[in-house]
Amino acid sequence: MRYASKALSELPPALLVLVALAWAGFARESRAADVYVICHPSVSLTASDLRDVFLGDKQFAGGTVLSLSDNSAARDTFLQKVLKMDVEKYRTAWTKKAFRDGVNPPTMTASDAEALDYVKRAPGRCSYVTTAPGPGVAVIAEY
């Protein structure tokens, strides 16, 4: 039995486009985000606000006071992908912010489950997780 095979250049262009689109869609869907930045549904933020929020420069979203929590299980990934800094630079930024402006640094949770619980409990709360958060929170951005 002889196998029918064609070189890619011999395939109809429309078929190549369909295969490429299907592959791109599959690749995008199968690639899960490493970090989900989440907030209580009462918070309205954009991805471009996140740096200012998590460095204490933006403390309100509309009329809601923001309250942040770092997730120790996801912090390194969050800092690398979202804020583009390491832990020491982040700590230094918050130390300066605390002394200069009297702003308290984020509280700390130990896991995704604790971060989700923290966010769901009260308006204005934000954090980040490494697993898809599900209902009850607003996903501000995925990285």
Protein backbone atom coordinates (compact mmCIF):
# COMPACT_ATOMS: atom_id res chain seq x y z
CA MET A 1 0.00 0.00 0.00
CA ARG A 2 1.33 3.35 -0.93
CA TYR A 3 0.73 6.37 1.31
CA ALA A 4 -0.50 9.52 -0.30
CA SER A 5 1.62 12.39 0.86
CA LYS A 6 2.05 15.86 -0.48
CA ALA A 7 4.64 18.43 0.27
CA LEU A 8 3.27 21.45 2.13
CA SER A 9 3.82 23.56 -0.97
CA GLU A 10 1.45 21.29 -2.92
CA LEU A 11 -1.47 21.70 -0.47
CA PRO A 12 -4.18 24.24 -1.32
CA PRO A 13 -3.52 27.62 0.35
CA ALA A 14 -6.95 27.62 1.99
CA LEU A 15 -6.20 24.31 3.69
CA LEU A 16 -2.86 25.62 4.96
CA VAL A 17 -4.60 28.68 6.42
CA LEU A 18 -7.20 26.51 8.18
CA VAL A 19 -4.55 24.22 9.64
CA ALA A 20 -2.49 27.18 10.84
CA LEU A 21 -5.53 28.83 12.48
CA ALA A 22 -6.58 25.60 14.16
CA TRP A 23 -3.07 25.02 15.48
CA ALA A 24 -2.76 28.61 16.75
CA GLY A 25 -6.12 28.36 18.54
CA PHE A 26 -5.19 25.06 20.12
CA ALA A 27 -1.80 26.34 21.22
CA ARG A 28 -3.38 29.43 22.80
CA GLU A 29 -6.06 27.43 24.63
CA SER A 30 -3.67 24.75 25.86
CA ARG A 31 -1.23 27.33 27.23
CA ALA A 32 -2.53 28.17 30.67
CA ALA A 33 -1.64 31.45 32.27
CA ASP A 34 1.06 31.27 34.92
CA VAL A 35 -0.47 34.07 37.00
CA TYR A 36 -4.01 35.39 37.29
CA VAL A 37 -4.33 38.81 38.92
CA ILE A 38 -7.69 38.82 40.69
CA CYS A 39 -9.82 41.32 42.57
CA HIS A 40 -13.15 41.38 44.35
CA PRO A 41 -15.89 41.93 41.73
CA SER A 42 -16.44 45.44 43.15
CA VAL A 43 -13.03 46.53 41.84
CA SER A 44 -12.67 47.99 38.36
CA LEU A 45 -9.04 47.97 37.20
CA THR A 46 -7.18 47.38 33.97
CA ALA A 47 -3.97 45.46 33.38
CA SER A 48 -2.16 48.78 32.90
CA ASP A 49 -3.12 49.77 36.48
CA LEU A 50 -1.51 46.74 38.11
CA ARG A 51 2.03 48.07 38.48
CA ASP A 52 0.78 51.21 40.22
CA VAL A 53 -1.61 49.21 42.40
CA PHE A 54 0.91 46.59 43.55
CA LEU A 55 3.59 49.21 44.22
CA GLY A 56 1.23 51.33 46.32
CA ASP A 57 1.00 54.27 43.92
CA LYS A 58 -2.71 53.68 43.20
CA GLN A 59 -4.74 53.09 46.35
CA PHE A 60 -8.30 53.59 45.06
CA ALA A 61 -10.37 52.14 42.23
CA GLY A 62 -13.24 54.51 41.73
CA GLY A 63 -14.44 55.19 45.25
CA THR A 64 -13.20 51.85 46.61
CA VAL A 65 -10.11 51.62 48.81
CA LEU A 66 -7.82 48.86 47.55
CA SER A 67 -6.46 46.23 49.91
CA LEU A 68 -3.71 43.96 48.60
CA SER A 69 -2.39 40.55 49.47
CA ASP A 70 0.78 38.90 48.20
CA ASN A 71 0.52 35.16 47.60
CA SER A 72 3.83 33.69 48.79
CA ALA A 73 3.34 30.59 46.61
CA ALA A 74 3.07 32.71 43.46
CA ARG A 75 5.07 35.82 44.34
CA ASP A 76 8.23 35.09 42.36
CA THR A 77 6.26 34.41 39.18
CA PHE A 78 4.04 37.45 39.75
CA LEU A 79 7.01 39.75 40.31
CA GLN A 80 8.85 38.44 37.25
CA LYS A 81 5.90 38.49 34.83
CA VAL A 82 3.80 41.41 36.04
CA LEU A 83 6.08 43.87 37.83
CA LYS A 84 9.33 42.84 36.11
CA MET A 85 11.36 42.93 39.33
CA ASP A 86 12.87 40.59 41.90
CA VAL A 87 11.85 40.11 45.53
CA GLU A 88 14.53 42.41 46.95
CA LYS A 89 13.64 45.29 44.67
CA TYR A 90 9.95 44.78 45.54
CA ARG A 91 10.65 44.76 49.30
CA THR A 92 12.80 47.86 48.98
CA ALA A 93 10.07 49.68 47.04
CA TRP A 94 7.51 48.88 49.75
CA THR A 95 9.87 49.83 52.58
CA LYS A 96 10.44 53.23 50.97
CA LYS A 97 6.71 53.63 50.33
CA ALA A 98 5.89 52.80 53.95
CA PHE A 99 8.37 55.33 55.37
CA ARG A 100 7.80 58.06 52.80
CA ASP A 101 4.01 57.88 52.41
CA GLY A 102 2.84 55.81 55.38
CA VAL A 103 1.29 53.19 53.11
CA ASN A 104 1.16 49.65 54.47
CA PRO A 105 2.56 46.87 52.28
CA PRO A 106 0.30 44.03 51.14
CA THR A 107 -0.63 41.34 53.65
CA MET A 108 0.65 37.82 52.91
CA THR A 109 -1.26 34.65 52.09
CA ALA A 110 0.41 31.26 51.82
CA SER A 111 -1.45 29.66 48.92
CA ASP A 112 -3.82 30.17 46.01
CA ALA A 113 -6.74 29.01 48.16
CA GLU A 114 -5.95 31.59 50.86
CA ALA A 115 -5.51 34.35 48.26
CA LEU A 116 -8.88 33.49 46.70
CA ASP A 117 -10.56 33.48 50.09
CA TYR A 118 -8.95 36.83 50.96
CA VAL A 119 -10.22 38.45 47.74
CA LYS A 120 -13.75 37.05 48.00
CA ARG A 121 -14.32 38.22 51.59
CA ALA A 122 -14.49 42.01 51.12
CA PRO A 123 -14.78 44.76 48.50
CA GLY A 124 -11.54 46.35 47.31
CA ARG A 125 -9.35 43.31 47.78
CA CYS A 126 -6.84 42.13 45.15
CA SER A 127 -4.23 39.39 44.92
CA TYR A 128 -2.89 36.86 42.41
CA VAL A 129 -3.00 33.09 41.95
CA THR A 130 -1.42 30.46 39.71
CA THR A 131 -4.54 28.36 39.17
CA ALA A 132 -7.68 29.41 37.31
CA PRO A 133 -9.71 31.23 39.98
CA GLY A 134 -13.25 30.28 38.98
CA PRO A 135 -16.37 32.29 39.92
CA GLY A 136 -16.61 34.91 42.66
CA VAL A 137 -13.66 37.09 41.62
CA ALA A 138 -12.81 39.41 38.74
CA VAL A 139 -9.78 38.36 36.70
CA ILE A 140 -7.99 41.60 35.87
CA ALA A 141 -5.21 40.04 33.79
CA GLU A 142 -3.58 36.72 32.91
CA TYR A 143 0.17 36.41 32.40
